[in-house]
Protein backbone atom coordinates (compact mmCIF):
# COMPACT_ATOMS: atom_id res chain seq x y z
CA UNK A 1 -0.01 -0.15 0.07
CA UNK A 2 1.25 3.45 -1.03
CA UNK A 3 1.83 6.16 2.10
CA UNK A 4 -0.32 9.01 1.48
CA UNK A 5 2.02 11.87 0.64
CA UNK A 6 2.24 16.05 0.51
CA UNK A 7 2.97 16.86 -3.24
CA UNK A 8 3.35 20.26 -2.19
CA UNK A 9 6.10 19.34 -0.07
CA UNK A 10 7.55 16.13 -2.17
CA UNK A 11 8.23 18.76 -4.76
CA UNK A 12 10.33 20.96 -2.61
CA UNK A 13 14.07 21.51 -3.36
CA UNK A 14 15.89 19.67 -1.33
CA UNK A 15 17.66 21.54 1.48
CA UNK A 16 20.22 23.34 -0.22
CA UNK A 17 23.21 23.14 2.48
CA UNK A 18 22.63 19.54 2.96
CA UNK A 19 23.34 19.03 -0.85
CA UNK A 20 26.31 21.25 -0.73
CA UNK A 21 27.44 19.15 2.16
CA UNK A 22 27.14 15.80 0.66
CA UNK A 23 30.15 16.71 -1.93
CA UNK A 24 31.69 17.53 0.79
CA UNK A 25 31.51 13.89 2.10
CA UNK A 26 32.65 12.81 -1.40
CA UNK A 27 35.62 14.62 -1.33
CA UNK A 28 38.99 13.82 -0.14
CA UNK A 29 41.42 16.75 0.48
CA UNK A 30 44.57 16.83 -0.18
CA UNK A 31 47.54 17.69 2.70
CA UNK A 32 48.34 20.84 2.71
CA UNK A 33 44.69 22.16 0.91
CA UNK A 34 41.90 21.59 3.68
CA UNK A 35 38.30 22.94 2.95
CA UNK A 36 37.91 26.12 2.86
CA UNK A 37 34.40 26.49 3.60
CA UNK A 38 32.30 29.81 2.69
CA UNK A 39 29.25 28.16 1.84
CA UNK A 40 27.21 28.88 5.26
CA UNK A 41 25.65 31.98 6.75
CA UNK A 42 26.33 31.04 10.43
CA UNK A 43 29.05 32.15 12.80
CA UNK A 44 31.62 29.87 13.56
CA UNK A 45 32.90 31.34 17.31
CA UNK A 46 30.92 30.65 20.32
CA UNK A 47 28.54 33.83 21.87
CA UNK A 48 30.71 36.29 24.09
CA UNK A 49 32.28 34.79 27.16
CA UNK A 50 29.89 36.96 29.63
CA UNK A 51 26.66 35.90 27.62
CA UNK A 52 27.02 32.45 27.88
CA UNK A 53 27.80 33.06 31.34
CA UNK A 54 24.67 34.76 31.76
CA UNK A 55 22.64 31.95 30.00
CA UNK A 56 24.50 29.50 32.65
CA UNK A 57 23.67 31.08 35.50
CA UNK A 58 20.08 31.54 34.70
CA UNK A 59 19.94 28.10 33.48
CA UNK A 60 21.39 26.76 36.80
CA UNK A 61 19.36 29.28 38.75
CA UNK A 62 16.28 30.55 37.58
CA UNK A 63 13.39 27.91 37.32
CA UNK A 64 11.32 29.42 34.81
CA UNK A 65 14.07 29.21 32.49
CA UNK A 66 13.31 25.61 31.57
CA UNK A 67 9.36 26.24 31.75
CA UNK A 68 7.21 27.23 29.21
CA UNK A 69 7.12 30.57 28.73
CA UNK A 70 4.21 33.31 26.89
CA UNK A 71 3.71 32.03 23.13
CA UNK A 72 5.11 35.57 21.87
CA UNK A 73 8.23 35.35 23.36
CA UNK A 74 8.89 37.16 27.12
CA UNK A 75 7.60 40.29 27.88
CA UNK A 76 10.74 41.54 28.92
CA UNK A 77 12.86 40.71 26.02
CA UNK A 78 9.28 41.74 24.05
CA UNK A 79 9.56 45.35 25.57
CA UNK A 80 13.40 45.70 24.85
CA UNK A 81 13.19 44.92 21.18
CA UNK A 82 10.45 47.71 20.96
CA UNK A 83 12.66 50.12 22.89
CA UNK A 84 15.64 49.61 20.91
CA UNK A 85 13.90 49.57 17.74
CA UNK A 86 12.29 52.25 18.39
CA UNK A 87 15.43 54.37 18.99
CA UNK A 88 17.49 52.33 15.86
CA UNK A 89 14.22 53.79 13.82
CA UNK A 90 13.16 57.07 15.39
CA UNK A 91 10.06 55.57 15.75
CA UNK A 92 7.21 54.36 18.49
CA UNK A 93 6.98 51.00 18.64
CA UNK A 94 5.59 48.98 21.42
CA UNK A 95 6.05 45.52 23.08
CA UNK A 96 2.36 44.18 21.82
CA UNK A 97 3.93 45.01 18.19
CA UNK A 98 6.55 42.52 18.97
CA UNK A 99 6.54 38.62 18.92
CA UNK A 100 9.88 36.41 19.33
CA UNK A 101 10.51 33.82 17.31
CA UNK A 102 12.43 30.60 16.92
CA UNK A 103 14.83 32.29 14.61
CA UNK A 104 14.42 34.58 11.46
CA UNK A 105 12.84 31.62 9.25
CA UNK A 106 10.23 31.02 11.65
CA UNK A 107 9.54 34.70 11.37
CA UNK A 108 9.24 34.74 8.11
CA UNK A 109 6.63 31.62 8.06
CA UNK A 110 4.89 33.23 10.59
CA UNK A 111 4.28 36.57 8.71
CA UNK A 112 3.65 34.85 5.15
CA UNK A 113 0.94 32.35 6.67
CA UNK A 114 -0.97 35.60 8.59
CA UNK A 115 -1.21 36.71 5.03
CA UNK A 116 -1.69 33.68 2.73
CA UNK A 117 -3.91 30.76 1.80
CA UNK A 118 -3.48 27.82 -0.70
CA UNK A 119 -3.42 29.90 -4.39
CA UNK A 120 -2.28 33.07 -3.00
CA UNK A 121 1.45 34.57 -4.12
CA UNK A 122 4.28 36.67 -2.60
CA UNK A 123 6.73 38.45 -4.76
CA UNK A 124 10.40 37.49 -4.40
CA UNK A 125 13.19 39.28 -5.89
CA UNK A 126 15.85 36.94 -7.66
CA UNK A 127 18.21 36.10 -6.55
CA UNK A 128 16.24 35.03 -3.70
CA UNK A 129 16.98 33.25 -0.15
CA UNK A 130 15.75 29.64 -1.03
CA UNK A 131 14.33 28.99 2.28
CA UNK A 132 11.81 31.90 1.29
CA UNK A 133 11.05 29.96 -1.54
CA UNK A 134 10.82 26.49 -0.35
CA UNK A 135 8.25 27.69 2.95
CA UNK A 136 5.98 28.76 -0.13
CA UNK A 137 6.04 25.94 -2.22
CA UNK A 138 5.39 23.53 0.78
CA UNK A 139 2.07 25.71 1.15
CA UNK A 140 1.02 25.65 -2.06
CA UNK A 141 1.89 29.70 -2.27
CA UNK A 142 3.36 30.89 -5.82
CA UNK A 143 6.47 32.82 -5.53
CA UNK A 144 6.13 35.54 -8.08
CA UNK A 145 9.98 36.56 -9.32
CA UNK A 146 10.95 40.00 -9.57
CA UNK A 147 14.42 40.83 -11.48
CA UNK A 148 17.40 42.81 -10.19
CA UNK A 149 19.42 45.33 -12.08
CA UNK A 150 23.12 44.85 -12.50
CA UNK A 151 23.40 46.79 -9.06
CA UNK A 152 21.21 43.65 -8.04
CA UNK A 153 18.49 46.07 -6.65
CA UNK A 154 14.91 44.75 -7.40
CA UNK A 155 13.21 46.34 -10.18
CA UNK A 156 10.29 48.15 -8.93
CA UNK A 157 8.31 49.07 -12.84
CA UNK A 158 8.79 45.26 -12.97
CA UNK A 159 7.53 44.58 -9.44
CA UNK A 160 4.56 46.53 -10.73
CA UNK A 161 4.04 44.62 -13.89
CA UNK A 162 4.20 41.20 -12.18
CA UNK A 163 1.44 41.86 -9.75
CA UNK A 164 -1.34 39.69 -9.87
CA UNK A 165 -4.84 39.58 -7.56
CA UNK A 166 -3.27 36.78 -5.98
CA UNK A 167 -0.30 38.28 -4.71
CA UNK A 168 -0.59 39.20 -1.25
CA UNK A 169 3.05 40.49 -0.30
CA UNK A 170 6.38 41.58 -1.42
CA UNK A 171 9.40 40.15 0.22
CA UNK A 172 12.50 41.82 0.64
CA UNK A 173 15.64 40.90 2.21
CA UNK A 174 18.49 44.12 2.88
CA UNK A 175 20.93 43.44 3.36
CA UNK A 176 20.35 40.87 0.96
CA UNK A 177 21.11 36.96 1.15
CA UNK A 178 22.26 35.61 -1.35
CA UNK A 179 23.93 38.95 -3.03
CA UNK A 180 24.81 40.86 -0.34
CA UNK A 181 23.42 44.30 -1.71
CA UNK A 182 22.28 47.08 0.50
CA UNK A 183 18.37 48.35 -0.50
CA UNK A 184 18.66 52.45 -0.39
CA UNK A 185 16.22 53.70 1.98
CA UNK A 186 14.07 55.34 -0.97
CA UNK A 187 13.79 51.76 -2.70
CA UNK A 188 12.68 50.28 0.57
CA UNK A 189 10.38 53.16 0.71
CA UNK A 190 9.14 52.77 -2.72
CA UNK A 191 8.15 49.56 -2.50
CA UNK A 192 6.26 49.78 0.61
CA UNK A 193 4.27 52.59 -1.69
CA UNK A 194 3.93 50.09 -4.30
CA UNK A 195 2.61 47.56 -1.87
CA UNK A 196 0.10 49.98 0.01
CA UNK A 197 -1.13 51.02 -3.75
CA UNK A 198 -2.52 47.72 -4.36
CA UNK A 199 -3.51 46.25 -0.59
CA UNK A 200 -0.28 44.41 -0.04
CA UNK A 201 1.67 43.64 2.94
CA UNK A 202 5.61 44.34 2.61
CA UNK A 203 7.74 41.75 4.47
CA UNK A 204 11.48 43.06 4.73
CA UNK A 205 13.71 40.66 6.37
CA UNK A 206 16.79 42.46 8.05
CA UNK A 207 18.36 39.40 9.57
CA UNK A 208 21.99 41.38 8.72
CA UNK A 209 20.62 44.50 9.89
CA UNK A 210 23.98 44.86 12.29
CA UNK A 211 26.31 44.72 9.30
CA UNK A 212 25.21 47.36 7.03
CA UNK A 213 27.69 49.72 5.95
CA UNK A 214 25.60 52.78 6.13
CA UNK A 215 24.96 54.78 9.10
CA UNK A 216 21.63 55.63 10.57
CA UNK A 217 17.99 53.87 10.23
CA UNK A 218 18.11 51.54 7.00
CA UNK A 219 14.42 52.99 5.99
CA UNK A 220 11.68 54.94 7.40
CA UNK A 221 8.64 52.44 7.14
CA UNK A 222 8.28 52.29 10.78
CA UNK A 223 7.53 56.21 10.34
CA UNK A 224 4.42 55.53 8.06
CA UNK A 225 1.18 56.00 9.96
CA UNK A 226 -0.02 52.35 8.86
CA UNK A 227 2.87 50.57 9.29
CA UNK A 228 1.47 48.59 12.02
CA UNK A 229 -1.13 47.32 8.78
CA UNK A 230 1.07 47.24 5.57
CA UNK A 231 4.70 46.11 7.08
CA UNK A 232 6.46 43.24 8.70
CA UNK A 233 9.41 43.41 9.88
CA UNK A 234 11.63 40.03 10.58
CA UNK A 235 15.04 39.83 12.64
CA UNK A 236 17.41 37.25 13.73
CA UNK A 237 19.79 37.48 16.84
CA UNK A 238 21.55 34.75 15.78
CA UNK A 239 24.23 35.82 13.57
CA UNK A 240 24.92 39.74 16.00
CA UNK A 241 25.33 36.88 19.04
CA UNK A 242 26.07 34.23 17.74
CA UNK A 243 22.98 32.39 18.76
CA UNK A 244 22.27 30.39 15.94
CA UNK A 245 21.88 27.26 17.72
CA UNK A 246 19.50 28.84 20.28
CA UNK A 247 17.12 30.07 17.55
CA UNK A 248 16.10 33.58 18.78
CA UNK A 249 14.49 35.69 16.47
CA UNK A 250 11.61 38.92 15.82
CA UNK A 251 8.51 39.84 13.75
CA UNK A 252 7.31 43.32 14.44
CA UNK A 253 4.22 44.27 13.10
CA UNK A 254 0.76 45.65 14.26
CA UNK A 255 -0.85 43.51 17.19
CA UNK A 256 -3.98 42.38 15.61
CA UNK A 257 -1.31 40.63 13.17
CA UNK A 258 0.10 39.12 16.57
CA UNK A 259 -3.00 38.04 17.67
CA UNK A 260 -3.60 35.09 14.39
CA UNK A 261 0.24 34.92 14.54
CA UNK A 262 0.31 33.11 17.99
CA UNK A 263 -2.56 30.93 16.60
CA UNK A 264 0.43 29.47 14.20
CA UNK A 265 3.27 29.74 17.04
CA UNK A 266 1.27 28.27 19.27
CA UNK A 267 0.54 25.48 17.26
CA UNK A 268 4.34 25.02 16.20
CA UNK A 269 6.61 25.70 19.24
CA UNK A 270 4.02 26.78 21.92
CA UNK A 271 7.29 29.20 23.21
CA UNK A 272 10.42 30.34 21.67
CA UNK A 273 13.34 28.77 23.57
CA UNK A 274 13.67 30.37 26.66
CA UNK A 275 17.26 30.57 27.18
CA UNK A 276 17.87 31.70 23.85
CA UNK A 277 15.82 34.58 24.92
CA UNK A 278 17.65 35.35 28.11
CA UNK A 279 20.78 35.38 25.92
CA UNK A 280 19.66 37.72 23.57
CA UNK A 281 18.31 40.06 26.24
CA UNK A 282 21.26 39.94 28.03
CA UNK A 283 23.22 41.17 24.90
CA UNK A 284 20.77 43.24 23.73
CA UNK A 285 21.45 45.47 27.13
CA UNK A 286 25.30 44.52 27.31
CA UNK A 287 26.97 44.11 24.01
CA UNK A 288 26.69 47.54 21.97
CA UNK A 289 30.23 47.83 21.74
CA UNK A 290 30.77 44.28 20.48
CA UNK A 291 28.63 44.41 18.06
CA UNK A 292 30.02 47.93 16.68
CA UNK A 293 33.66 45.76 16.72
CA UNK A 294 31.91 42.59 14.82
CA UNK A 295 30.46 45.14 12.43
CA UNK A 296 33.91 46.66 11.62
CA UNK A 297 35.31 43.03 11.56
CA UNK A 298 32.66 42.33 8.60
CA UNK A 299 32.92 45.53 6.55
CA UNK A 300 36.81 44.89 6.51
CA UNK A 301 36.39 41.06 5.18
CA UNK A 302 33.88 43.02 2.25
CA UNK A 303 36.77 45.54 1.61
CA UNK A 304 38.96 42.32 1.72
CA UNK A 305 36.63 40.39 -1.07
CA UNK A 306 36.19 43.52 -3.07
CA UNK A 307 39.79 43.83 -3.52
CA UNK A 308 40.91 40.20 -4.35
CA UNK A 309 38.16 40.36 -7.20
CA UNK A 310 39.43 43.47 -8.56
CA UNK A 311 43.25 42.77 -7.95
CA UNK A 312 43.70 38.82 -8.61
CA UNK A 313 40.28 38.01 -10.13
CA UNK A 314 39.17 41.07 -12.69
CA UNK A 315 37.90 38.31 -15.13
CA UNK A 316 35.05 37.46 -12.36
CA UNK A 317 32.33 39.84 -12.12
CA UNK A 318 31.40 41.12 -8.43
CA UNK A 319 27.71 41.62 -8.41
CA UNK A 320 26.96 42.39 -5.18
CA UNK A 321 29.10 42.42 -1.78
CA UNK A 322 27.56 42.95 1.76
CA UNK A 323 27.10 41.51 5.33
CA UNK A 324 28.16 37.69 4.85
CA UNK A 325 28.13 37.33 1.00
CA UNK A 326 29.32 38.33 -2.04
CA UNK A 327 27.65 37.12 -4.99
CA UNK A 328 30.23 36.89 -8.78
CA UNK A 329 29.60 35.92 -12.04
CA UNK A 330 32.65 33.42 -13.25
CA UNK A 331 34.22 33.98 -16.35
CA UNK A 332 33.27 30.01 -17.73
CA UNK A 333 31.04 28.41 -19.94
CA UNK A 334 29.92 26.12 -17.00
CA UNK A 335 26.65 25.84 -15.23
CA UNK A 336 27.16 27.15 -11.56
CA UNK A 337 25.89 23.96 -10.14
CA UNK A 338 28.92 21.83 -12.40
CA UNK A 339 31.17 24.58 -11.01
CA UNK A 340 30.14 24.65 -7.29
CA UNK A 341 30.99 20.77 -6.96
CA UNK A 342 33.91 20.72 -9.17
CA UNK A 343 35.41 23.42 -6.87
CA UNK A 344 35.00 21.29 -4.24
CA UNK A 345 37.00 18.64 -5.25
CA UNK A 346 39.64 20.74 -7.38
CA UNK A 347 39.93 23.33 -5.24
CA UNK A 348 39.09 22.02 -1.67
CA UNK A 349 36.38 24.85 -1.62
CA UNK A 350 32.62 25.12 -0.87
CA UNK A 351 30.66 27.88 -2.22
CA UNK A 352 27.08 27.53 -3.08
CA UNK A 353 25.55 27.86 -7.21
CA UNK A 354 23.23 30.39 -8.02
CA UNK A 355 21.19 27.85 -8.97
CA UNK A 356 19.92 27.41 -5.57
CA UNK A 357 18.48 31.12 -5.83
CA UNK A 358 17.04 31.71 -8.53
CA UNK A 359 14.34 29.56 -11.21
CA UNK A 360 15.63 28.10 -13.98
CA UNK A 361 16.45 30.19 -16.90
CA UNK A 362 13.39 29.23 -19.48
CA UNK A 363 11.38 30.90 -22.53
CA UNK A 364 13.73 33.16 -22.91
CA UNK A 365 14.11 34.70 -19.29
CA UNK A 366 17.70 34.70 -17.95
CA UNK A 367 17.67 34.69 -14.15
CA UNK A 368 21.14 34.52 -13.88
CA UNK A 369 21.24 31.11 -11.45
CA UNK A 370 23.54 29.18 -13.87
CA UNK A 371 26.57 31.95 -14.12
CA UNK A 372 26.28 33.10 -10.47
CA UNK A 373 28.06 31.64 -7.02
CA UNK A 374 27.75 32.67 -3.69
CA UNK A 375 30.42 33.14 -1.28
CA UNK A 376 29.44 33.59 2.26
CA UNK A 377 33.18 35.10 2.92
CA UNK A 378 31.96 36.40 6.56
CA UNK A 379 33.76 33.11 8.60
CA UNK A 380 36.99 33.77 6.73
CA UNK A 381 39.59 35.84 8.54
CA UNK A 382 41.77 37.99 6.03
CA UNK A 383 44.19 35.07 5.35
CA UNK A 384 41.27 33.13 4.38
CA UNK A 385 39.73 35.41 1.96
CA UNK A 386 43.22 35.44 0.50
CA UNK A 387 43.44 31.84 -0.01
CA UNK A 388 39.96 31.63 -1.18
CA UNK A 389 41.32 34.43 -4.13
CA UNK A 390 44.20 31.97 -4.71
CA UNK A 391 41.95 28.75 -5.18
CA UNK A 392 39.67 30.79 -7.52
CA UNK A 393 42.52 31.71 -9.70
CA UNK A 394 43.50 28.47 -10.19
CA UNK A 395 40.71 26.74 -11.35
CA UNK A 396 40.79 25.75 -14.72
CA UNK A 397 37.17 24.70 -16.42
């Protein structure tokens, strides 16, 4: 007897990071050329010692740290986020407009499920973050692709033309994963205007906000009079405090939408992990200087990547660089999924192919995935970035 299966889930692509790691398991790395893994945007170092100690102390001395908490997150953390975000964006945000989630991926899933039912659609700029596309696919939702220009910024006019009655939201990621592009405030504001013109919601994923190269607020959306209805802000504590394994994110929007989100979150996780929330709260209160140092280091690594491509790889096209990522076009007539796999076996270098971030190029539309690679450079120091340049330069198709 055949076991029933969900065709939407069965048709979703396999997790890209897992596929890339399968190449590593198949490869043998020669002595003197160990694997250089630039595939995943996740800090490899643990959180600062003082933050770990704060979490450990809570685990040992606070019995409530091991119990269920509020579905939308601990009140103290929600209020702290509201206050910090109000200062960053020059806005007035209330703790009742904040939900803590199990990472930013869950924040995106939550945002979408409050807006869409099967058959609806969400607009995603291409290249897109593959987990966003996967969530839409497994829920019977259409991903409407929006092209980006040579500067990797989404095309507002193309988005306007692509809107259909089924579209319920536009989702942006800035600084972008996978391209690294930082969307100017004016462009984000313009997409908000487009969304509201058509009765849509704008979702903005700011997982990498803390590594933005510009000073000041990255947009002015919290100043819109109807932001609680038309805007959903997503955030992650995974990168900024190195809390990837503790799964702490946030979603900020109007309280009525959070009341709907609470149904989903109660069903899926019941409450966010308590120790992770304690770590995020402590970090917000104590780690401003440490975060500033982290930002300076990431910006220095971005500058090093830019120099490497300008000086050592002039035939490669650096299409975007920012936050944790560089998005590049190699000078080879070789599909990116084949190139990425060969780089593992021939140069001990793991990066991700653009095919993981774009629809196939068909019917005269070239989405660029076959010609691009994503390099997650944030975990490589100056020596590692230089070694990446050497290995790319040494590759012969």
